[in-house]
Amino acid sequence: MFVMGVDPGLTRCGFAIVEPGRGGSVRPIAMGVVTTEPAMQAAYRLSELQREIRNLINEFTPKIVAVERLFLQKNTRTGIRVAQAAGIIITEAAAMGCHVREYSPNEVKSAVTGDGRADKVMVQTMVQQLLGLTSPPKPADIADAAAVALCHLAFDPTGALLGQREMADSAVKGVVA
């Protein structure tokens, strides 16, 4: 079972695909950044992001897509773009049959470092250690995405939350029927 962690963004969207193993071990499968050109119109950038997320889900078939929840930005325009990117990612993952979970930045930092106020360097260092990497993942978007995947595994190590989607689907069908 693969878990895909995503640090949403429109200019840079970090992703990490990990595989949980025995005894709490986690193996990194793929990590990277999806980028879009800032000079392009937002609609085309969002479409490009959607296509890249779809390609990643098709290639790795993650069971869960864990997304970092938007942190309110001082720059409203940036916050709106990040929210749009997150919406595209969440919608695409759900449409492709993945279970989707969202985690706040504090939940992610706490799960990975033990401190909800940890800085980027501490997150990168802990992701390096937890995934057995030779160096910290860079740029920080990649480390953040890996931290989101690790956070999901910390909150749901047995996969018990996976059944919630089926329960929600059947509840909706019951109302419609």
Foldseek 3Di string as FASTA:
>chain_A
DWEKFWEFFLQWIKIWIWDADPPRAIATDDIDIDGDDPVDDLVVSLVSLLVVLLVVCVVPVHQEYEYEDQDDDPPVVRSVRRVSRVVSNVVSCVVVNHHYHYDYCLLLCCLQQVGSPDDLVSLQVSLCVRNVHPGGDPDSSRSSRSSRRSSVCSVCVPCPCSCVVVVVVVVVVVVVD
